N, C-alpha and C. Protein backbone atom coordinates (compact mmCIF):
# COMPACT_ATOMS: atom_id res chain seq x y z
N MET A 1 -17.34 21.13 -2.93
CA MET A 1 -16.74 20.07 -2.14
C MET A 1 -17.57 19.88 -0.88
N LYS A 2 -17.80 18.64 -0.52
CA LYS A 2 -18.65 18.35 0.62
C LYS A 2 -17.92 18.63 1.93
N LYS A 3 -18.69 19.05 2.90
CA LYS A 3 -18.15 19.42 4.21
C LYS A 3 -17.39 18.25 4.85
N LYS A 4 -17.92 17.05 4.77
CA LYS A 4 -17.28 15.88 5.37
C LYS A 4 -15.89 15.67 4.78
N TYR A 5 -15.75 15.84 3.47
CA TYR A 5 -14.46 15.67 2.82
C TYR A 5 -13.46 16.70 3.32
N LYS A 6 -13.93 17.94 3.52
CA LYS A 6 -13.06 19.00 4.02
C LYS A 6 -12.53 18.66 5.40
N VAL A 7 -13.41 18.19 6.26
CA VAL A 7 -13.01 17.85 7.63
C VAL A 7 -12.01 16.71 7.60
N GLN A 8 -12.24 15.71 6.78
CA GLN A 8 -11.32 14.58 6.68
C GLN A 8 -9.97 15.02 6.12
N ALA A 9 -9.98 15.93 5.16
CA ALA A 9 -8.73 16.43 4.59
C ALA A 9 -7.92 17.17 5.64
N VAL A 10 -8.58 17.97 6.45
CA VAL A 10 -7.89 18.70 7.52
C VAL A 10 -7.33 17.73 8.55
N ASP A 11 -8.11 16.74 8.92
CA ASP A 11 -7.63 15.74 9.88
C ASP A 11 -6.39 15.03 9.36
N LEU A 12 -6.40 14.67 8.09
CA LEU A 12 -5.25 14.01 7.49
C LEU A 12 -4.04 14.94 7.51
N ALA A 13 -4.24 16.19 7.18
CA ALA A 13 -3.14 17.16 7.19
C ALA A 13 -2.54 17.29 8.58
N LYS A 14 -3.36 17.27 9.59
CA LYS A 14 -2.86 17.37 10.97
C LYS A 14 -2.10 16.12 11.37
N GLU A 15 -2.47 14.98 10.81
CA GLU A 15 -1.81 13.72 11.12
C GLU A 15 -0.45 13.59 10.44
N ILE A 16 -0.42 13.87 9.13
CA ILE A 16 0.79 13.57 8.37
C ILE A 16 1.46 14.80 7.78
N GLY A 17 0.88 15.96 7.99
CA GLY A 17 1.44 17.19 7.44
C GLY A 17 0.69 17.60 6.18
N ALA A 18 0.62 18.91 5.97
CA ALA A 18 -0.15 19.44 4.86
C ALA A 18 0.41 19.03 3.50
N GLY A 19 1.71 19.06 3.35
CA GLY A 19 2.32 18.72 2.07
C GLY A 19 2.03 17.28 1.66
N LYS A 20 2.24 16.35 2.58
CA LYS A 20 1.98 14.94 2.29
C LYS A 20 0.50 14.69 2.05
N ALA A 21 -0.35 15.33 2.86
CA ALA A 21 -1.79 15.13 2.70
C ALA A 21 -2.27 15.65 1.35
N ALA A 22 -1.80 16.83 0.96
CA ALA A 22 -2.19 17.39 -0.33
C ALA A 22 -1.78 16.47 -1.47
N LYS A 23 -0.56 15.94 -1.38
CA LYS A 23 -0.07 15.04 -2.43
C LYS A 23 -0.92 13.77 -2.48
N GLU A 24 -1.23 13.22 -1.31
CA GLU A 24 -2.04 12.00 -1.24
C GLU A 24 -3.46 12.23 -1.78
N LEU A 25 -4.01 13.41 -1.50
CA LEU A 25 -5.36 13.72 -1.95
C LEU A 25 -5.42 14.23 -3.38
N GLY A 26 -4.26 14.58 -3.93
CA GLY A 26 -4.22 15.08 -5.30
C GLY A 26 -4.75 16.49 -5.43
N ILE A 27 -4.53 17.30 -4.38
CA ILE A 27 -4.97 18.69 -4.42
C ILE A 27 -3.79 19.60 -4.12
N PRO A 28 -3.85 20.85 -4.57
CA PRO A 28 -2.76 21.79 -4.25
C PRO A 28 -2.70 22.04 -2.75
N VAL A 29 -1.49 22.19 -2.23
CA VAL A 29 -1.33 22.42 -0.80
C VAL A 29 -2.03 23.70 -0.36
N ASP A 30 -2.08 24.71 -1.22
CA ASP A 30 -2.78 25.95 -0.88
C ASP A 30 -4.27 25.71 -0.66
N THR A 31 -4.84 24.79 -1.41
CA THR A 31 -6.24 24.43 -1.22
C THR A 31 -6.44 23.80 0.15
N LEU A 32 -5.50 22.96 0.52
CA LEU A 32 -5.60 22.31 1.83
C LEU A 32 -5.46 23.33 2.95
N TYR A 33 -4.57 24.28 2.80
CA TYR A 33 -4.45 25.34 3.81
C TYR A 33 -5.76 26.12 3.93
N GLY A 34 -6.45 26.30 2.82
CA GLY A 34 -7.75 26.97 2.86
C GLY A 34 -8.76 26.17 3.66
N LYS A 35 -8.70 24.84 3.56
CA LYS A 35 -9.60 23.98 4.32
C LYS A 35 -9.28 24.07 5.82
N VAL A 36 -8.00 24.16 6.14
CA VAL A 36 -7.61 24.29 7.55
C VAL A 36 -8.20 25.58 8.11
N ALA A 37 -8.09 26.66 7.36
CA ALA A 37 -8.64 27.94 7.80
C ALA A 37 -10.15 27.86 7.90
N TRP A 38 -10.79 27.18 6.95
CA TRP A 38 -12.24 27.01 6.96
C TRP A 38 -12.68 26.31 8.24
N ARG A 39 -11.99 25.26 8.60
CA ARG A 39 -12.37 24.50 9.80
C ARG A 39 -12.11 25.32 11.06
N ARG A 40 -11.02 26.04 11.09
CA ARG A 40 -10.71 26.89 12.24
C ARG A 40 -11.78 27.97 12.40
N ASP A 41 -12.20 28.55 11.29
CA ASP A 41 -13.21 29.61 11.32
C ASP A 41 -14.56 29.09 11.83
N LEU A 42 -14.83 27.82 11.61
CA LEU A 42 -16.07 27.22 12.10
C LEU A 42 -15.97 26.81 13.56
N GLY A 43 -14.77 26.91 14.11
CA GLY A 43 -14.57 26.51 15.50
C GLY A 43 -14.47 25.02 15.68
N LEU A 44 -14.10 24.32 14.63
CA LEU A 44 -13.97 22.86 14.68
C LEU A 44 -12.51 22.49 14.94
N ALA A 45 -12.09 22.66 16.17
CA ALA A 45 -10.72 22.33 16.52
C ALA A 45 -10.50 20.83 16.37
N HIS A 46 -9.28 20.45 16.15
CA HIS A 46 -8.92 19.05 16.06
C HIS A 46 -9.17 18.39 17.41
N PRO A 47 -9.76 17.20 17.46
CA PRO A 47 -10.09 16.56 18.74
C PRO A 47 -8.90 16.44 19.69
N ALA A 48 -7.71 16.25 19.18
CA ALA A 48 -6.53 16.11 20.03
C ALA A 48 -6.19 17.39 20.77
N THR A 49 -6.69 18.53 20.30
CA THR A 49 -6.36 19.80 20.93
C THR A 49 -7.43 20.26 21.91
N GLN A 50 -8.48 19.47 22.05
CA GLN A 50 -9.57 19.86 22.96
C GLN A 50 -9.39 19.27 24.32
């Protein structure tokens, strides 16, 4: 999966919630939670929290 897609998926999850985002993207919610952790581990905080 491309890095840009992961970042966009995390941003969507932060906007509308992980459950809704996962359903909209057609991926398991656990996969989305993994992307959130991936972005946090890279130090890529959501712009609204900076």
